C-alpha atoms as a PDB file:
ATOM      1  CA  MET A   1    -105.041 -97.710 -36.588  1.00  0.00           C
ATOM      2  CA  VAL A   2    -104.015-100.508 -38.912  1.00  0.00           C
ATOM      3  CA  LYS A   3    -105.004-104.013 -37.878  1.00  0.00           C
ATOM      4  CA  ASP A   4    -102.545-106.894 -38.297  1.00  0.00           C
ATOM      5  CA  GLU A   5    -104.669-108.391 -41.084  1.00  0.00           C
ATOM      6  CA  GLU A   6    -104.446-105.129 -43.067  1.00  0.00           C
ATOM      7  CA  ALA A   7    -100.666-105.449 -43.179  1.00  0.00           C
ATOM      8  CA  PHE A   8     -98.747-107.783 -45.468  1.00  0.00           C
ATOM      9  CA  LEU A   9     -95.274-109.010 -44.491  1.00  0.00           C
ATOM     10  CA  VAL A  10     -92.381-110.379 -46.500  1.00  0.00           C
ATOM     11  CA  PRO A  11     -89.706-111.946 -44.273  1.00  0.00           C
ATOM     12  CA  GLY A  12     -85.941-111.639 -44.384  1.00  0.00           C
ATOM     13  CA  THR A  13     -83.743-114.122 -46.203  1.00  0.00           C
ATOM     14  CA  GLY A  14     -84.513-117.759 -45.515  1.00  0.00           C
ATOM     15  CA  GLN A  15     -87.197-117.113 -42.885  1.00  0.00           C
ATOM     16  CA  TYR A  16     -90.890-117.865 -42.421  1.00  0.00           C
ATOM     17  CA  VAL A  17     -93.683-115.308 -42.053  1.00  0.00           C
ATOM     18  CA  LYS A  18     -94.731-117.056 -38.816  1.00  0.00           C
ATOM     19  CA  ASN A  19     -91.488-115.827 -37.175  1.00  0.00           C
ATOM     20  CA  TYR A  20     -92.872-112.298 -37.254  1.00  0.00           C
ATOM     21  CA  GLY A  21     -96.131-112.680 -35.338  1.00  0.00           C
ATOM     22  CA  THR A  22     -99.696-112.520 -36.583  1.00  0.00           C
ATOM     23  CA  TYR A  23     -99.192-110.726 -39.881  1.00  0.00           C
ATOM     24  CA  ARG A  24    -100.301-112.333 -43.098  1.00  0.00           C
ATOM     25  CA  GLY A  25     -97.597-112.555 -45.688  1.00  0.00           C
ATOM     26  CA  ALA A  26     -95.756-114.505 -48.336  1.00  0.00           C
ATOM     27  CA  ASP A  27     -93.268-117.244 -47.492  1.00  0.00           C
ATOM     28  CA  ILE A  28     -91.166-116.303 -50.507  1.00  0.00           C
ATOM     29  CA  TRP A  29     -88.229-118.332 -49.213  1.00  0.00           C
ATOM     30  CA  CYS A  30     -90.383-121.487 -49.521  1.00  0.00           C
ATOM     31  CA  GLY A  31     -91.214-120.765 -53.144  1.00  0.00           C
ATOM     32  CA  GLN A  32     -94.419-118.797 -52.498  1.00  0.00           C
ATOM     33  CA  ARG A  33     -94.321-116.021 -55.097  1.00  0.00           C
ATOM     34  CA  GLU A  34     -97.951-114.950 -55.096  1.00  0.00           C
ATOM     35  CA  VAL A  35     -99.116-111.621 -56.394  1.00  0.00           C
ATOM     36  CA  PHE A  36     -99.440-109.130 -53.581  1.00  0.00           C
ATOM     37  CA  PRO A  37    -102.925-108.801 -52.191  1.00  0.00           C
ATOM     38  CA  THR A  38    -104.602-105.556 -51.325  1.00  0.00           C
ATOM     39  CA  ALA A  39    -103.008-104.225 -48.180  1.00  0.00           C
ATOM     40  CA  ARG A  40    -102.862-100.886 -46.417  1.00  0.00           C
ATOM     41  CA  VAL A  41     -99.314-101.494 -45.204  1.00  0.00           C
ATOM     42  CA  PHE A  42     -96.449-103.585 -46.531  1.00  0.00           C
ATOM     43  CA  ILE A  43     -93.816-104.714 -44.033  1.00  0.00           C
ATOM     44  CA  GLY A  44     -90.513-105.965 -45.397  1.00  0.00           C
ATOM     45  CA  HIS A  45     -87.447-107.210 -43.587  1.00  0.00           C
ATOM     46  CA  SER A  46     -83.972-107.240 -45.150  1.00  0.00           C
ATOM     47  CA  LEU A  47     -84.203-108.784 -48.634  1.00  0.00           C
ATOM     48  CA  GLY A  48     -87.967-108.970 -48.147  1.00  0.00           C
ATOM     49  CA  VAL A  49     -87.861-105.204 -48.785  1.00  0.00           C
ATOM     50  CA  HIS A  50     -86.334-105.890 -52.201  1.00  0.00           C
ATOM     51  CA  PHE A  51     -89.045-108.443 -52.949  1.00  0.00           C
ATOM     52  CA  ILE A  52     -91.828-105.991 -52.090  1.00  0.00           C
ATOM     53  CA  LEU A  53     -90.313-103.181 -54.133  1.00  0.00           C
ATOM     54  CA  SER A  54     -89.606-105.458 -57.114  1.00  0.00           C
ATOM     55  CA  GLY A  55     -93.334-106.129 -57.494  1.00  0.00           C
ATOM     56  CA  THR A  56     -96.202-103.980 -58.580  1.00  0.00           C
ATOM     57  CA  VAL A  57     -97.327-102.229 -55.446  1.00  0.00           C
ATOM     58  CA  ASP A  58     -99.421 -99.122 -55.077  1.00  0.00           C
ATOM     59  CA  PRO A  59     -97.110 -96.291 -53.964  1.00  0.00           C
ATOM     60  CA  SER A  60    -100.012 -94.746 -52.044  1.00  0.00           C
ATOM     61  CA  CYS A  61     -99.814 -97.675 -49.582  1.00  0.00           C
ATOM     62  CA  ARG A  62     -97.689 -97.338 -46.479  1.00  0.00           C
ATOM     63  CA  PHE A  63     -94.390 -99.193 -46.142  1.00  0.00           C
ATOM     64  CA  ILE A  64     -92.504-100.234 -43.013  1.00  0.00           C
ATOM     65  CA  LEU A  65     -89.078-101.430 -44.092  1.00  0.00           C
ATOM     66  CA  ILE A  66     -86.819-103.109 -41.566  1.00  0.00           C
ATOM     67  CA  ASN A  67     -83.047-103.205 -42.035  1.00  0.00           C
ATOM     68  CA  PRO A  68     -83.125-102.830 -45.830  1.00  0.00           C
ATOM     69  CA  LEU A  69     -79.947-103.328 -47.839  1.00  0.00           C
ATOM     70  CA  ILE A  70     -79.475 -99.809 -49.161  1.00  0.00           C
ATOM     71  CA  LYS A  71     -75.976 -99.561 -50.562  1.00  0.00           C
ATOM     72  CA  LYS A  72     -75.017-101.749 -53.507  1.00  0.00           C
ATOM     73  CA  ARG A  73     -72.280-104.154 -52.488  1.00  0.00           C
ATOM     74  CA  LYS A  74     -70.352-106.819 -54.316  1.00  0.00           C
ATOM     75  CA  ILE A  75     -71.449-110.412 -53.832  1.00  0.00           C
ATOM     76  CA  VAL A  76     -68.149-111.297 -52.124  1.00  0.00           C
ATOM     77  CA  SER A  77     -68.657-108.492 -49.610  1.00  0.00           C
ATOM     78  CA  LEU A  78     -72.219-109.643 -48.913  1.00  0.00           C
ATOM     79  CA  PHE A  79     -71.047-113.234 -48.490  1.00  0.00           C
ATOM     80  CA  PHE A  80     -68.513-112.219 -45.833  1.00  0.00           C
ATOM     81  CA  ARG A  81     -71.090-109.988 -44.151  1.00  0.00           C
ATOM     82  CA  TRP A  82     -73.477-112.978 -44.044  1.00  0.00           C
ATOM     83  CA  ILE A  83     -70.768-115.140 -42.443  1.00  0.00           C
ATOM     84  CA  ARG A  84     -70.015-112.420 -39.840  1.00  0.00           C
ATOM     85  CA  PHE A  85     -73.740-112.054 -39.177  1.00  0.00           C
ATOM     86  CA  LEU A  86     -74.083-115.802 -38.572  1.00  0.00           C
ATOM     87  CA  ILE A  87     -71.032-115.895 -36.293  1.00  0.00           C
ATOM     88  CA  PHE A  88     -71.666-112.763 -34.231  1.00  0.00           C
ATOM     89  CA  GLU A  89     -75.440-112.310 -34.256  1.00  0.00           C
ATOM     90  CA  GLY A  90     -76.675-115.689 -35.391  1.00  0.00           C
ATOM     91  CA  ILE A  91     -80.125-116.886 -36.219  1.00  0.00           C
ATOM     92  CA  SER A  92     -82.138-119.643 -34.632  1.00  0.00           C
ATOM     93  CA  LYS A  93     -82.289-122.801 -36.729  1.00  0.00           C
ATOM     94  CA  LYS A  94     -86.046-122.956 -36.022  1.00  0.00           C
ATOM     95  CA  LYS A  95     -86.527-119.673 -37.887  1.00  0.00           C
ATOM     96  CA  LEU A  96     -84.961-120.917 -41.127  1.00  0.00           C
ATOM     97  CA  VAL A  97     -86.771-122.617 -43.975  1.00  0.00           C
ATOM     98  CA  PRO A  98     -85.635-126.189 -44.767  1.00  0.00           C
ATOM     99  CA  SER A  99     -82.303-126.591 -46.538  1.00  0.00           C
ATOM    100  CA  THR A 100     -84.102-128.024 -49.588  1.00  0.00           C
ATOM    101  CA  PHE A 101     -85.025-124.418 -50.461  1.00  0.00           C
ATOM    102  CA  TRP A 102     -81.567-122.905 -49.977  1.00  0.00           C
ATOM    103  CA  PHE A 103     -80.263-123.302 -53.538  1.00  0.00           C
ATOM    104  CA  GLY A 104     -83.345-121.634 -54.976  1.00  0.00           C
ATOM    105  CA  ASN A 105     -83.117-118.966 -52.297  1.00  0.00           C
ATOM    106  CA  MET A 106     -79.567-118.127 -53.336  1.00  0.00           C
ATOM    107  CA  ARG A 107     -80.796-117.542 -56.887  1.00  0.00           C
ATOM    108  CA  THR A 108     -83.703-115.439 -55.622  1.00  0.00           C
ATOM    109  CA  ALA A 109     -81.391-113.403 -53.381  1.00  0.00           C
ATOM    110  CA  LEU A 110     -78.982-112.727 -56.253  1.00  0.00           C
ATOM    111  CA  GLN A 111     -81.853-111.526 -58.430  1.00  0.00           C
ATOM    112  CA  LEU A 112     -83.245-109.295 -55.689  1.00  0.00           C
ATOM    113  CA  LEU A 113     -79.838-107.760 -55.000  1.00  0.00           C
ATOM    114  CA  LYS A 114     -79.832-106.319 -58.530  1.00  0.00           C
ATOM    115  CA  LEU A 115     -82.640-103.968 -57.540  1.00  0.00           C
ATOM    116  CA  ASP A 116     -81.600-100.367 -56.875  1.00  0.00           C
ATOM    117  CA  ILE A 117     -83.441 -99.743 -53.611  1.00  0.00           C
ATOM    118  CA  LEU A 118     -82.852 -95.985 -53.543  1.00  0.00           C
ATOM    119  CA  LYS A 119     -84.334 -95.690 -57.025  1.00  0.00           C
ATOM    120  CA  GLU A 120     -87.368 -97.709 -55.874  1.00  0.00           C
ATOM    121  CA  PHE A 121     -87.746 -95.525 -52.771  1.00  0.00           C
ATOM    122  CA  GLN A 122     -88.083 -92.480 -55.054  1.00  0.00           C
ATOM    123  CA  LYS A 123     -91.263 -93.988 -56.531  1.00  0.00           C
ATOM    124  CA  ILE A 124     -92.959 -93.808 -53.137  1.00  0.00           C
ATOM    125  CA  PRO A 125     -93.919 -90.576 -51.361  1.00  0.00           C
ATOM    126  CA  LYS A 126     -91.573 -90.125 -48.389  1.00  0.00           C
ATOM    127  CA  GLU A 127     -94.500 -89.758 -46.004  1.00  0.00           C
ATOM    128  CA  ASN A 128     -95.539 -93.331 -46.904  1.00  0.00           C
ATOM    129  CA  LEU A 129     -92.167 -94.843 -46.062  1.00  0.00           C
ATOM    130  CA  ILE A 130     -90.797 -95.649 -42.604  1.00  0.00           C
ATOM    131  CA  ILE A 131     -87.441 -97.364 -42.192  1.00  0.00           C
ATOM    132  CA  ILE A 132     -86.588 -99.196 -38.981  1.00  0.00           C
ATOM    133  CA  ARG A 133     -82.959-100.022 -38.316  1.00  0.00           C
ATOM    134  CA  GLY A 134     -81.512-102.208 -35.606  1.00  0.00           C
ATOM    135  CA  ASP A 135     -78.867 -99.934 -34.118  1.00  0.00           C
ATOM    136  CA  HIS A 136     -76.475-102.895 -33.823  1.00  0.00           C
ATOM    137  CA  ASP A 137     -76.823-103.974 -37.463  1.00  0.00           C
ATOM    138  CA  ALA A 138     -73.204-103.851 -38.564  1.00  0.00           C
ATOM    139  CA  TYR A 139     -73.717-106.258 -41.447  1.00  0.00           C
ATOM    140  CA  PHE A 140     -76.383-105.171 -43.937  1.00  0.00           C
ATOM    141  CA  CYS A 141     -78.132-101.966 -42.869  1.00  0.00           C
ATOM    142  CA  THR A 142     -75.151-100.093 -41.495  1.00  0.00           C
ATOM    143  CA  GLU A 143     -74.611 -96.561 -40.216  1.00  0.00           C
ATOM    144  CA  GLU A 144     -73.341 -95.682 -43.689  1.00  0.00           C
ATOM    145  CA  ASP A 145     -76.584 -96.920 -45.263  1.00  0.00           C
ATOM    146  CA  ILE A 146     -78.702 -94.969 -42.819  1.00  0.00           C
ATOM    147  CA  SER A 147     -76.695 -91.776 -43.321  1.00  0.00           C
ATOM    148  CA  ILE A 148     -77.580 -91.990 -47.043  1.00  0.00           C
ATOM    149  CA  LEU A 149     -81.257 -92.191 -46.124  1.00  0.00           C
ATOM    150  CA  ARG A 150     -81.064 -89.385 -43.575  1.00  0.00           C
ATOM    151  CA  GLU A 151     -79.351 -87.111 -46.112  1.00  0.00           C
ATOM    152  CA  GLN A 152     -82.387 -87.644 -48.328  1.00  0.00           C
ATOM    153  CA  ASN A 153     -84.783 -86.918 -45.419  1.00  0.00           C
ATOM    154  CA  TYR A 154     -86.321 -90.367 -45.066  1.00  0.00           C
ATOM    155  CA  ASP A 155     -88.048 -91.272 -41.805  1.00  0.00           C
ATOM    156  CA  VAL A 156     -85.489 -93.549 -40.123  1.00  0.00           C
ATOM    157  CA  ARG A 157     -86.105 -94.967 -36.661  1.00  0.00           C
ATOM    158  CA  GLU A 158     -83.487 -96.907 -34.751  1.00  0.00           C
ATOM    159  CA  VAL A 159     -84.270 -99.548 -32.151  1.00  0.00           C
ATOM    160  CA  ALA A 160     -82.153-101.769 -29.918  1.00  0.00           C
ATOM    161  CA  ALA A 161     -81.603-104.694 -32.275  1.00  0.00           C
ATOM    162  CA  GLY A 162     -79.180-106.279 -34.655  1.00  0.00           C
ATOM    163  CA  HIS A 163     -80.116-107.234 -38.198  1.00  0.00           C
ATOM    164  CA  ASP A 164     -82.616-109.966 -37.337  1.00  0.00           C
ATOM    165  CA  TRP A 165     -86.181-109.331 -36.174  1.00  0.00           C
ATOM    166  CA  ASN A 166     -86.526-109.152 -32.397  1.00  0.00           C
ATOM    167  CA  GLU A 167     -89.017-107.982 -29.772  1.00  0.00           C
ATOM    168  CA  ASN A 168     -87.885-104.337 -30.041  1.00  0.00           C
ATOM    169  CA  ILE A 169     -88.467-104.292 -33.799  1.00  0.00           C
ATOM    170  CA  LYS A 170     -91.830-105.990 -33.294  1.00  0.00           C
ATOM    171  CA  ASN A 171     -92.821-103.340 -30.743  1.00  0.00           C
ATOM    172  CA  ALA A 172     -91.731-100.518 -33.060  1.00  0.00           C
ATOM    173  CA  VAL A 173     -93.799-101.970 -35.928  1.00  0.00           C
ATOM    174  CA  THR A 174     -96.819-102.433 -33.636  1.00  0.00           C
ATOM    175  CA  ASP A 175     -96.485 -98.830 -32.438  1.00  0.00           C
ATOM    176  CA  ILE A 176     -96.288 -97.504 -35.996  1.00  0.00           C
ATOM    177  CA  LEU A 177     -99.337 -99.529 -37.056  1.00  0.00           C
ATOM    178  CA  ARG A 178    -101.304 -98.212 -34.057  1.00  0.00           C
ATOM    179  CA  LYS A 179    -100.562 -94.624 -35.063  1.00  0.00           C
ATOM    180  CA  MET A 180    -101.510 -95.044 -38.742  1.00  0.00           C
END
């Protein structure tokens, strides 16, 4: 069993760690770019996955990756997906970091999107990687993305959710941590 304090979380674009519960983590969207501490498990959501995998992490650690952006897409496509996400799924204003960070976050996001996630996945033993997908995520971690992962025999688990973190994702993460 992994305790919450043994896990390290990196949130999705423009969000705070505190939105995700009691995990310690890095508020990268507020400029916090600390070196990763020792952790048994790294939890990443959306572009937080890219941030984790862009750093120097021990591949023998365990990774729980929520709604990662798998397939490379053009910036224009991602922009329209972001707009559709905001319109149809939305995100609470309370969850977002202040607008003073948004310009820097756009730069960070563009840098992170250059990372080839599938190539980074290959550096980690498959048994150390669990991918959680919200089964209603039609914007960033789509059926097409997940089919790529399933073809390569990655452990993919779907839960009732969209792209953003919700109670079902939280429960799935808690369950996985309990069984580790």
